[in-house]
C-alpha cells in the first residue's frame, strides 16, 4: 500500500554499512548538508560514529524516536538492519544504492541532492511492506521468545552434519513431516532472497501472502506452498530432542527452539515503511537484477 508522505521531513536518521568507507562518506556528506540547513541528523551508536562527525549519536533503543525519515547507505543487508531499528516507530526508510543492485534501494548515490530536496519538500510517498511474526513455544505451549522479520523466518538445524525432520501444520490442518536442511517462511519482500535461492517463487510485493519453502528436502514433495497471511504456520521439530533447531530472522537474530517446542509464523504486527521518490516498478527491478531480456 502506498500513501502520500505525512509531512515534509525535518529530522533524519542515518544508517550505514559498517565496513564500507564509501557508505560512511556519502552519509556524512548528506548529514553535512542537512545540518547546515539547521536540521537534526541522528546516527546509531552501533555504526561507530566519531565525536567529530556532524550527527547526534544515540543508542539503538532510542534511534528512531521522533525521526521523519531514515537514510540507508549500503545494500539490502544494511536496509534490513535499519528496518529493525525503525519499524516499531513507523519511520520510513530511504535506501541509497552503493555497489550492486539491491531490491530494497530507492535511489542512486548521484541522486542524493535531489532526493534530499524532495524529502524536505514532502514530495515523496510511503509504501508499506508486510512483515512476519515468529513466536517460539515450549512443549507446554507457553511462548518463550518472539521477534519479527521483513524477509524471512527460517527454521534451521543447529547441527550441520544432520538433517532435521519438521512437522508442519497450516491453520488447523496437520499437513506433513518434511526431512530437510531448513524450512523457510518468507514474505513477498523476502521471496527474492533466501527462499528464491531454495527454489521458491517470486511474489510481487502487492501480493499479501507467505511462502513456505523447504531447503534440500529429502522427500518427493519439494514444492513451495503459498499461504494466506492470516493463517498460522506451525513448525515443530520431530523426534523430540534429536532435532536441535533455531529460527533465524533475516539472518540477524536466532531464537533457539526447545526440544518438543514449536515455531508459529504469521503476518507481523506492523509493516516496514519505505519512502518512495519514484513509482516502483517491481518487474523492471526483477528484469535488471536477473539480467532478463
C-alpha atoms as a PDB file:
ATOM      1  CA  UNK A   1       0.000   0.000   0.000  1.00  0.00           C
ATOM      2  CA  UNK A   2       1.276   3.485  -0.907  1.00  0.00           C
ATOM      3  CA  UNK A   3       0.216   6.775   0.612  1.00  0.00           C
ATOM      4  CA  UNK A   4       1.425  10.396   0.429  1.00  0.00           C
ATOM      5  CA  UNK A   5       4.098  11.476   2.885  1.00  0.00           C
ATOM      6  CA  UNK A   6       2.550  12.738   6.140  1.00  0.00           C
ATOM      7  CA  UNK A   7       4.637  15.946   6.058  1.00  0.00           C
ATOM      8  CA  UNK A   8       7.948  17.437   4.982  1.00  0.00           C
ATOM      9  CA  UNK A   9      10.912  15.647   6.571  1.00  0.00           C
ATOM     10  CA  UNK A  10      12.798  17.668   9.190  1.00  0.00           C
ATOM     11  CA  UNK A  11      14.555  15.088  11.358  1.00  0.00           C
ATOM     12  CA  UNK A  12      16.708  12.415   9.732  1.00  0.00           C
ATOM     13  CA  UNK A  13      18.317   9.192  10.836  1.00  0.00           C
ATOM     14  CA  UNK A  14      21.360   7.754   9.067  1.00  0.00           C
ATOM     15  CA  UNK A  15      22.356   4.073   8.898  1.00  0.00           C
ATOM     16  CA  UNK A  16      25.485   2.910   7.050  1.00  0.00           C
ATOM     17  CA  UNK A  17      27.238  -0.289   6.036  1.00  0.00           C
ATOM     18  CA  UNK A  18      29.848  -0.510   8.801  1.00  0.00           C
ATOM     19  CA  UNK A  19      32.696  -1.797   6.607  1.00  0.00           C
ATOM     20  CA  UNK A  20      32.231   0.431   3.568  1.00  0.00           C
ATOM     21  CA  UNK A  21      34.094   3.743   3.536  1.00  0.00           C
ATOM     22  CA  UNK A  22      32.013   4.943   0.581  1.00  0.00           C
ATOM     23  CA  UNK A  23      28.809   4.474   2.582  1.00  0.00           C
ATOM     24  CA  UNK A  24      30.161   6.454   5.542  1.00  0.00           C
ATOM     25  CA  UNK A  25      31.476   9.221   3.284  1.00  0.00           C
ATOM     26  CA  UNK A  26      28.127   9.554   1.460  1.00  0.00           C
ATOM     27  CA  UNK A  27      26.217   9.564   4.755  1.00  0.00           C
ATOM     28  CA  UNK A  28      28.457  12.304   6.186  1.00  0.00           C
ATOM     29  CA  UNK A  29      28.000  14.411   3.054  1.00  0.00           C
ATOM     30  CA  UNK A  30      24.212  14.165   3.437  1.00  0.00           C
ATOM     31  CA  UNK A  31      24.453  14.888   7.168  1.00  0.00           C
ATOM     32  CA  UNK A  32      26.609  17.961   6.483  1.00  0.00           C
ATOM     33  CA  UNK A  33      24.046  19.374   4.099  1.00  0.00           C
ATOM     34  CA  UNK A  34      21.144  18.732   6.438  1.00  0.00           C
ATOM     35  CA  UNK A  35      22.973  20.135   9.462  1.00  0.00           C
ATOM     36  CA  UNK A  36      23.885  23.291   7.566  1.00  0.00           C
ATOM     37  CA  UNK A  37      20.168  23.743   6.901  1.00  0.00           C
ATOM     38  CA  UNK A  38      19.559  23.637  10.673  1.00  0.00           C
ATOM     39  CA  UNK A  39      18.023  20.146  10.642  1.00  0.00           C
ATOM     40  CA  UNK A  40      18.574  17.382  13.193  1.00  0.00           C
ATOM     41  CA  UNK A  41      20.537  14.336  11.999  1.00  0.00           C
ATOM     42  CA  UNK A  42      20.834  11.218  14.169  1.00  0.00           C
ATOM     43  CA  UNK A  43      23.245   8.292  13.887  1.00  0.00           C
ATOM     44  CA  UNK A  44      23.159   4.941  15.662  1.00  0.00           C
ATOM     45  CA  UNK A  45      25.942   4.242  18.146  1.00  0.00           C
ATOM     46  CA  UNK A  46      26.350   0.771  16.632  1.00  0.00           C
ATOM     47  CA  UNK A  47      27.687   2.389  13.438  1.00  0.00           C
ATOM     48  CA  UNK A  48      30.743   3.688  15.367  1.00  0.00           C
ATOM     49  CA  UNK A  49      30.335   7.370  14.590  1.00  0.00           C
ATOM     50  CA  UNK A  50      33.139   9.550  15.934  1.00  0.00           C
ATOM     51  CA  UNK A  51      32.563  12.581  18.146  1.00  0.00           C
ATOM     52  CA  UNK A  52      33.732  14.853  15.320  1.00  0.00           C
ATOM     53  CA  UNK A  53      31.021  13.636  12.959  1.00  0.00           C
ATOM     54  CA  UNK A  54      28.142  16.035  12.339  1.00  0.00           C
ATOM     55  CA  UNK A  55      25.398  13.919  13.883  1.00  0.00           C
ATOM     56  CA  UNK A  56      23.745  13.317  17.174  1.00  0.00           C
ATOM     57  CA  UNK A  57      24.722   9.776  18.190  1.00  0.00           C
ATOM     58  CA  UNK A  58      22.249   7.686  20.218  1.00  0.00           C
ATOM     59  CA  UNK A  59      21.909   4.016  21.135  1.00  0.00           C
ATOM     60  CA  UNK A  60      19.810   1.637  19.052  1.00  0.00           C
ATOM     61  CA  UNK A  61      16.905   1.647  21.516  1.00  0.00           C
ATOM     62  CA  UNK A  62      16.329   5.382  21.093  1.00  0.00           C
ATOM     63  CA  UNK A  63      17.489   5.802  17.499  1.00  0.00           C
ATOM     64  CA  UNK A  64      14.098   6.088  15.767  1.00  0.00           C
ATOM     65  CA  UNK A  65      12.411   8.356  18.317  1.00  0.00           C
ATOM     66  CA  UNK A  66      10.999  11.485  16.638  1.00  0.00           C
ATOM     67  CA  UNK A  67      12.591  10.777  13.234  1.00  0.00           C
ATOM     68  CA  UNK A  68      10.777  11.595   9.997  1.00  0.00           C
ATOM     69  CA  UNK A  69      12.937   9.538   7.593  1.00  0.00           C
ATOM     70  CA  UNK A  70      15.922   7.189   7.878  1.00  0.00           C
ATOM     71  CA  UNK A  71      18.527   7.343   5.088  1.00  0.00           C
ATOM     72  CA  UNK A  72      20.183   3.962   4.500  1.00  0.00           C
ATOM     73  CA  UNK A  73      23.582   3.867   2.773  1.00  0.00           C
ATOM     74  CA  UNK A  74      24.512   0.325   1.740  1.00  0.00           C
ATOM     75  CA  UNK A  75      22.920  -2.810   0.357  1.00  0.00           C
ATOM     76  CA  UNK A  76      19.932  -4.915   1.320  1.00  0.00           C
ATOM     77  CA  UNK A  77      21.640  -6.208   4.472  1.00  0.00           C
ATOM     78  CA  UNK A  78      22.103  -2.657   5.741  1.00  0.00           C
ATOM     79  CA  UNK A  79      18.481  -1.917   4.850  1.00  0.00           C
ATOM     80  CA  UNK A  80      17.299  -4.918   6.905  1.00  0.00           C
ATOM     81  CA  UNK A  81      19.265  -3.667   9.912  1.00  0.00           C
ATOM     82  CA  UNK A  82      17.772  -0.192   9.501  1.00  0.00           C
ATOM     83  CA  UNK A  83      14.294  -1.730   9.256  1.00  0.00           C
ATOM     84  CA  UNK A  84      14.863  -3.434  12.601  1.00  0.00           C
ATOM     85  CA  UNK A  85      15.732  -0.044  14.127  1.00  0.00           C
ATOM     86  CA  UNK A  86      12.832   1.896  12.595  1.00  0.00           C
ATOM     87  CA  UNK A  87       9.807  -0.382  12.132  1.00  0.00           C
ATOM     88  CA  UNK A  88       8.220  -0.103  15.567  1.00  0.00           C
ATOM     89  CA  UNK A  89       8.391   3.700  15.428  1.00  0.00           C
ATOM     90  CA  UNK A  90       6.742   3.709  11.979  1.00  0.00           C
ATOM     91  CA  UNK A  91       9.598   5.676  10.403  1.00  0.00           C
ATOM     92  CA  UNK A  92      10.002   5.235   6.617  1.00  0.00           C
ATOM     93  CA  UNK A  93      13.364   4.214   5.160  1.00  0.00           C
ATOM     94  CA  UNK A  94      15.002   5.517   2.001  1.00  0.00           C
ATOM     95  CA  UNK A  95      17.679   3.173   0.634  1.00  0.00           C
ATOM     96  CA  UNK A  96      20.624   4.685  -1.254  1.00  0.00           C
ATOM     97  CA  UNK A  97      22.304   2.161  -3.525  1.00  0.00           C
ATOM     98  CA  UNK A  98      26.059   1.694  -3.311  1.00  0.00           C
ATOM     99  CA  UNK A  99      27.513  -1.019  -5.500  1.00  0.00           C
ATOM    100  CA  UNK A 100      25.426  -3.945  -6.708  1.00  0.00           C
ATOM    101  CA  UNK A 101      21.743  -3.597  -7.474  1.00  0.00           C
ATOM    102  CA  UNK A 102      19.583  -4.209  -4.415  1.00  0.00           C
ATOM    103  CA  UNK A 103      15.886  -4.951  -4.299  1.00  0.00           C
ATOM    104  CA  UNK A 104      15.294  -2.520  -1.429  1.00  0.00           C
ATOM    105  CA  UNK A 105      17.190   0.582  -2.556  1.00  0.00           C
ATOM    106  CA  UNK A 106      15.282   3.603  -3.854  1.00  0.00           C
ATOM    107  CA  UNK A 107      17.872   5.898  -5.436  1.00  0.00           C
ATOM    108  CA  UNK A 108      21.422   6.053  -6.772  1.00  0.00           C
ATOM    109  CA  UNK A 109      24.103   7.988  -4.923  1.00  0.00           C
ATOM    110  CA  UNK A 110      24.273  10.806  -7.560  1.00  0.00           C
ATOM    111  CA  UNK A 111      20.538  11.396  -6.940  1.00  0.00           C
ATOM    112  CA  UNK A 112      21.065  12.265  -3.261  1.00  0.00           C
ATOM    113  CA  UNK A 113      20.944  16.103  -3.577  1.00  0.00           C
ATOM    114  CA  UNK A 114      17.653  15.873  -5.462  1.00  0.00           C
ATOM    115  CA  UNK A 115      16.345  13.208  -3.075  1.00  0.00           C
ATOM    116  CA  UNK A 116      17.070  15.387  -0.036  1.00  0.00           C
ATOM    117  CA  UNK A 117      15.286  18.348  -1.656  1.00  0.00           C
ATOM    118  CA  UNK A 118      12.213  16.231  -2.263  1.00  0.00           C
ATOM    119  CA  UNK A 119      12.205  14.840   1.271  1.00  0.00           C
ATOM    120  CA  UNK A 120      12.480  18.372   2.671  1.00  0.00           C
ATOM    121  CA  UNK A 121       9.569  19.458   0.479  1.00  0.00           C
ATOM    122  CA  UNK A 122       7.405  16.470   1.446  1.00  0.00           C
ATOM    123  CA  UNK A 123       7.463  15.350  -2.190  1.00  0.00           C
ATOM    124  CA  UNK A 124       7.529  11.617  -1.616  1.00  0.00           C
ATOM    125  CA  UNK A 125       5.212   8.710  -0.886  1.00  0.00           C
ATOM    126  CA  UNK A 126       5.343   5.952   1.716  1.00  0.00           C
ATOM    127  CA  UNK A 127       4.961   2.265   0.846  1.00  0.00           C
ATOM    128  CA  UNK A 128       4.152  -0.364   3.483  1.00  0.00           C
ATOM    129  CA  UNK A 129       5.781  -3.800   3.255  1.00  0.00           C
ATOM    130  CA  UNK A 130       4.286  -6.726   5.132  1.00  0.00           C
ATOM    131  CA  UNK A 131       6.438  -8.333   7.833  1.00  0.00           C
ATOM    132  CA  UNK A 132       6.452 -11.737   9.551  1.00  0.00           C
ATOM    133  CA  UNK A 133       5.975 -12.540  13.217  1.00  0.00           C
ATOM    134  CA  UNK A 134       7.697 -15.630  14.683  1.00  0.00           C
ATOM    135  CA  UNK A 135       6.867 -16.968  18.140  1.00  0.00           C
ATOM    136  CA  UNK A 136       8.670 -19.876  19.813  1.00  0.00           C
ATOM    137  CA  UNK A 137       6.636 -22.019  22.231  1.00  0.00           C
ATOM    138  CA  UNK A 138       7.874 -24.565  24.761  1.00  0.00           C
ATOM    139  CA  UNK A 139       6.394 -28.113  24.935  1.00  0.00           C
ATOM    140  CA  UNK A 140       3.563 -26.835  27.165  1.00  0.00           C
ATOM    141  CA  UNK A 141       2.558 -24.256  24.555  1.00  0.00           C
ATOM    142  CA  UNK A 142       3.909 -21.301  26.527  1.00  0.00           C
ATOM    143  CA  UNK A 143       5.528 -18.549  24.388  1.00  0.00           C
ATOM    144  CA  UNK A 144       9.215 -18.259  25.307  1.00  0.00           C
ATOM    145  CA  UNK A 145      10.550 -15.956  22.556  1.00  0.00           C
ATOM    146  CA  UNK A 146       9.130 -13.705  19.866  1.00  0.00           C
ATOM    147  CA  UNK A 147      10.509 -11.490  17.133  1.00  0.00           C
ATOM    148  CA  UNK A 148       9.823 -10.417  13.558  1.00  0.00           C
ATOM    149  CA  UNK A 149      11.380 -10.300  10.087  1.00  0.00           C
ATOM    150  CA  UNK A 150      10.968  -8.355   6.874  1.00  0.00           C
ATOM    151  CA  UNK A 151      12.347 -11.090   4.584  1.00  0.00           C
ATOM    152  CA  UNK A 152      12.103 -14.489   6.206  1.00  0.00           C
ATOM    153  CA  UNK A 153      11.917 -16.667   9.285  1.00  0.00           C
ATOM    154  CA  UNK A 154      13.890 -19.841   8.673  1.00  0.00           C
ATOM    155  CA  UNK A 155      13.739 -22.896  10.932  1.00  0.00           C
ATOM    156  CA  UNK A 156      17.228 -24.390  10.646  1.00  0.00           C
ATOM    157  CA  UNK A 157      19.271 -27.244  12.047  1.00  0.00           C
ATOM    158  CA  UNK A 158      21.837 -26.493  14.738  1.00  0.00           C
ATOM    159  CA  UNK A 159      23.995 -29.492  13.822  1.00  0.00           C
ATOM    160  CA  UNK A 160      25.169 -29.101  10.192  1.00  0.00           C
ATOM    161  CA  UNK A 161      26.093 -32.758   9.766  1.00  0.00           C
ATOM    162  CA  UNK A 162      22.493 -33.994  10.041  1.00  0.00           C
ATOM    163  CA  UNK A 163      19.142 -33.065   8.528  1.00  0.00           C
ATOM    164  CA  UNK A 164      16.089 -32.276  10.613  1.00  0.00           C
ATOM    165  CA  UNK A 165      12.523 -33.555  10.442  1.00  0.00           C
ATOM    166  CA  UNK A 166       9.919 -30.801  10.736  1.00  0.00           C
ATOM    167  CA  UNK A 167       6.213 -31.411  11.336  1.00  0.00           C
ATOM    168  CA  UNK A 168       4.231 -28.705   9.526  1.00  0.00           C
ATOM    169  CA  UNK A 169       0.675 -27.503  10.210  1.00  0.00           C
ATOM    170  CA  UNK A 170      -1.203 -24.698   8.481  1.00  0.00           C
ATOM    171  CA  UNK A 171      -4.215 -23.381  10.326  1.00  0.00           C
ATOM    172  CA  UNK A 172      -5.957 -26.375  11.916  1.00  0.00           C
ATOM    173  CA  UNK A 173      -4.528 -28.892   9.418  1.00  0.00           C
ATOM    174  CA  UNK A 174      -1.545 -31.096  10.201  1.00  0.00           C
ATOM    175  CA  UNK A 175      -0.018 -31.056   6.747  1.00  0.00           C
ATOM    176  CA  UNK A 176       3.102 -33.216   6.629  1.00  0.00           C
ATOM    177  CA  UNK A 177       6.548 -34.033   8.024  1.00  0.00           C
ATOM    178  CA  UNK A 178       9.459 -32.708   5.973  1.00  0.00           C
ATOM    179  CA  UNK A 179      13.030 -34.004   6.376  1.00  0.00           C
ATOM    180  CA  UNK A 180      15.239 -31.138   5.179  1.00  0.00           C
ATOM    181  CA  UNK A 181      18.138 -28.836   5.987  1.00  0.00           C
ATOM    182  CA  UNK A 182      15.720 -25.993   6.803  1.00  0.00           C
ATOM    183  CA  UNK A 183      12.225 -24.648   6.182  1.00  0.00           C
ATOM    184  CA  UNK A 184      11.825 -21.019   5.108  1.00  0.00           C
ATOM    185  CA  UNK A 185       8.755 -18.854   5.776  1.00  0.00           C
ATOM    186  CA  UNK A 186       9.121 -15.781   3.578  1.00  0.00           C
ATOM    187  CA  UNK A 187       7.190 -12.590   2.959  1.00  0.00           C
ATOM    188  CA  UNK A 188       6.661 -11.239  -0.567  1.00  0.00           C
ATOM    189  CA  UNK A 189       9.674  -8.967   0.010  1.00  0.00           C
ATOM    190  CA  UNK A 190      11.728 -11.989   1.090  1.00  0.00           C
ATOM    191  CA  UNK A 191      10.610 -14.138  -1.838  1.00  0.00           C
ATOM    192  CA  UNK A 192      13.593 -12.827  -3.846  1.00  0.00           C
ATOM    193  CA  UNK A 193      16.098 -13.669  -1.086  1.00  0.00           C
ATOM    194  CA  UNK A 194      16.812 -16.986   0.697  1.00  0.00           C
ATOM    195  CA  UNK A 195      13.533 -18.584  -0.407  1.00  0.00           C
ATOM    196  CA  UNK A 196      14.319 -17.825  -4.050  1.00  0.00           C
ATOM    197  CA  UNK A 197      17.761 -19.464  -3.765  1.00  0.00           C
ATOM    198  CA  UNK A 198      15.997 -22.567  -2.405  1.00  0.00           C
ATOM    199  CA  UNK A 199      13.733 -22.746  -5.461  1.00  0.00           C
ATOM    200  CA  UNK A 200      10.752 -20.735  -4.249  1.00  0.00           C
ATOM    201  CA  UNK A 201       8.632 -18.427  -6.443  1.00  0.00           C
ATOM    202  CA  UNK A 202       8.953 -14.672  -6.828  1.00  0.00           C
ATOM    203  CA  UNK A 203       6.000 -12.783  -5.324  1.00  0.00           C
ATOM    204  CA  UNK A 204       5.100  -9.216  -6.146  1.00  0.00           C
ATOM    205  CA  UNK A 205       5.124  -7.017  -3.027  1.00  0.00           C
ATOM    206  CA  UNK A 206       1.488  -6.204  -3.892  1.00  0.00           C
ATOM    207  CA  UNK A 207       0.561  -9.820  -3.072  1.00  0.00           C
ATOM    208  CA  UNK A 208      -0.186 -10.375   0.602  1.00  0.00           C
ATOM    209  CA  UNK A 209       0.921 -13.941   1.243  1.00  0.00           C
ATOM    210  CA  UNK A 210       3.543 -16.100   2.918  1.00  0.00           C
ATOM    211  CA  UNK A 211       5.636 -18.675   1.083  1.00  0.00           C
ATOM    212  CA  UNK A 212       6.757 -21.880   2.777  1.00  0.00           C
ATOM    213  CA  UNK A 213       9.829 -23.334   1.042  1.00  0.00           C
ATOM    214  CA  UNK A 214      11.905 -26.377   2.121  1.00  0.00           C
ATOM    215  CA  UNK A 215      15.706 -26.314   1.758  1.00  0.00           C
ATOM    216  CA  UNK A 216      17.202 -29.516   0.332  1.00  0.00           C
ATOM    217  CA  UNK A 217      14.181 -31.678   1.264  1.00  0.00           C
ATOM    218  CA  UNK A 218      14.675 -35.451   1.427  1.00  0.00           C
ATOM    219  CA  UNK A 219      11.201 -36.184   0.110  1.00  0.00           C
ATOM    220  CA  UNK A 220       9.377 -36.428  -3.220  1.00  0.00           C
ATOM    221  CA  UNK A 221       7.243 -33.433  -2.231  1.00  0.00           C
ATOM    222  CA  UNK A 222       9.601 -30.491  -2.622  1.00  0.00           C
ATOM    223  CA  UNK A 223       7.228 -27.693  -3.588  1.00  0.00           C
ATOM    224  CA  UNK A 224       6.645 -24.258  -2.101  1.00  0.00           C
ATOM    225  CA  UNK A 225       3.235 -23.652  -0.535  1.00  0.00           C
ATOM    226  CA  UNK A 226       1.699 -20.169  -0.698  1.00  0.00           C
ATOM    227  CA  UNK A 227      -0.225 -19.347   2.477  1.00  0.00           C
ATOM    228  CA  UNK A 228      -2.732 -16.642   3.364  1.00  0.00           C
ATOM    229  CA  UNK A 229      -1.076 -14.294   5.908  1.00  0.00           C
ATOM    230  CA  UNK A 230      -3.990 -14.617   8.331  1.00  0.00           C
ATOM    231  CA  UNK A 231      -3.292 -18.349   8.664  1.00  0.00           C
ATOM    232  CA  UNK A 232      -0.802 -19.557  11.256  1.00  0.00           C
ATOM    233  CA  UNK A 233       2.081 -21.761  10.114  1.00  0.00           C
ATOM    234  CA  UNK A 234       3.228 -24.131  12.869  1.00  0.00           C
ATOM    235  CA  UNK A 235       6.577 -25.884  12.612  1.00  0.00           C
ATOM    236  CA  UNK A 236       7.559 -28.463  15.211  1.00  0.00           C
ATOM    237  CA  UNK A 237      10.882 -30.337  15.152  1.00  0.00           C
ATOM    238  CA  UNK A 238      10.078 -34.057  15.185  1.00  0.00           C
ATOM    239  CA  UNK A 239      11.961 -36.812  17.029  1.00  0.00           C
ATOM    240  CA  UNK A 240      11.967 -34.905  20.306  1.00  0.00           C
ATOM    241  CA  UNK A 241      15.443 -33.970  21.491  1.00  0.00           C
ATOM    242  CA  UNK A 242      17.174 -35.279  18.350  1.00  0.00           C
ATOM    243  CA  UNK A 243      16.417 -32.309  16.065  1.00  0.00           C
ATOM    244  CA  UNK A 244      18.018 -29.249  17.702  1.00  0.00           C
ATOM    245  CA  UNK A 245      16.784 -26.185  15.789  1.00  0.00           C
ATOM    246  CA  UNK A 246      16.816 -22.415  15.736  1.00  0.00           C
ATOM    247  CA  UNK A 247      14.583 -19.948  13.934  1.00  0.00           C
ATOM    248  CA  UNK A 248      16.699 -17.383  12.082  1.00  0.00           C
ATOM    249  CA  UNK A 249      15.106 -13.989  11.362  1.00  0.00           C
ATOM    250  CA  UNK A 250      16.530 -12.129   8.354  1.00  0.00           C
ATOM    251  CA  UNK A 251      19.898 -13.610   9.281  1.00  0.00           C
ATOM    252  CA  UNK A 252      20.242 -11.028  12.065  1.00  0.00           C
ATOM    253  CA  UNK A 253      18.739 -12.877  15.028  1.00  0.00           C
ATOM    254  CA  UNK A 254      18.403 -16.537  16.031  1.00  0.00           C
ATOM    255  CA  UNK A 255      15.915 -17.890  18.553  1.00  0.00           C
ATOM    256  CA  UNK A 256      16.537 -21.414  19.918  1.00  0.00           C
ATOM    257  CA  UNK A 257      13.633 -23.873  19.707  1.00  0.00           C
ATOM    258  CA  UNK A 258      13.418 -26.012  22.861  1.00  0.00           C
ATOM    259  CA  UNK A 259      13.058 -29.827  22.492  1.00  0.00           C
ATOM    260  CA  UNK A 260       9.389 -30.570  21.942  1.00  0.00           C
ATOM    261  CA  UNK A 261       8.733 -26.911  21.204  1.00  0.00           C
ATOM    262  CA  UNK A 262       7.115 -25.215  18.229  1.00  0.00           C
ATOM    263  CA  UNK A 263       7.562 -22.167  15.983  1.00  0.00           C
ATOM    264  CA  UNK A 264       4.474 -20.228  14.899  1.00  0.00           C
ATOM    265  CA  UNK A 265       4.739 -17.820  11.959  1.00  0.00           C
ATOM    266  CA  UNK A 266       2.118 -15.372  10.705  1.00  0.00           C
ATOM    267  CA  UNK A 267       1.760 -11.799   9.491  1.00  0.00           C
ATOM    268  CA  UNK A 268       3.756  -9.285  11.519  1.00  0.00           C
ATOM    269  CA  UNK A 269       2.041  -6.750  13.757  1.00  0.00           C
ATOM    270  CA  UNK A 270       3.403  -3.744  11.830  1.00  0.00           C
ATOM    271  CA  UNK A 271       4.815  -3.131   8.343  1.00  0.00           C
ATOM    272  CA  UNK A 272       8.192  -1.762   7.366  1.00  0.00           C
ATOM    273  CA  UNK A 273       7.654   1.628   5.742  1.00  0.00           C
ATOM    274  CA  UNK A 274       9.653   2.672   2.667  1.00  0.00           C
ATOM    275  CA  UNK A 275       9.996   6.229   1.329  1.00  0.00           C
ATOM    276  CA  UNK A 276       9.402   6.335  -2.424  1.00  0.00           C
ATOM    277  CA  UNK A 277      10.523   9.150  -4.753  1.00  0.00           C
ATOM    278  CA  UNK A 278       9.505   7.367  -7.960  1.00  0.00           C
ATOM    279  CA  UNK A 279       6.880   4.804  -8.981  1.00  0.00           C
ATOM    280  CA  UNK A 280       8.380   1.439  -8.024  1.00  0.00           C
ATOM    281  CA  UNK A 281       8.426  -0.985 -10.965  1.00  0.00           C
ATOM    282  CA  UNK A 282       8.975  -4.371  -9.323  1.00  0.00           C
ATOM    283  CA  UNK A 283       9.115  -6.265 -12.614  1.00  0.00           C
ATOM    284  CA  UNK A 284      11.685  -3.879 -14.072  1.00  0.00           C
ATOM    285  CA  UNK A 285      13.770  -4.476 -10.927  1.00  0.00           C
ATOM    286  CA  UNK A 286      13.432  -8.244 -11.469  1.00  0.00           C
ATOM    287  CA  UNK A 287      14.457  -7.900 -15.114  1.00  0.00           C
ATOM    288  CA  UNK A 288      17.501  -5.806 -14.208  1.00  0.00           C
ATOM    289  CA  UNK A 289      18.535  -7.909 -11.216  1.00  0.00           C
ATOM    290  CA  UNK A 290      18.498 -11.195 -13.093  1.00  0.00           C
ATOM    291  CA  UNK A 291      19.649  -9.878 -16.468  1.00  0.00           C
ATOM    292  CA  UNK A 292      16.435 -10.854 -18.269  1.00  0.00           C
ATOM    293  CA  UNK A 293      15.891  -9.889 -21.892  1.00  0.00           C
END
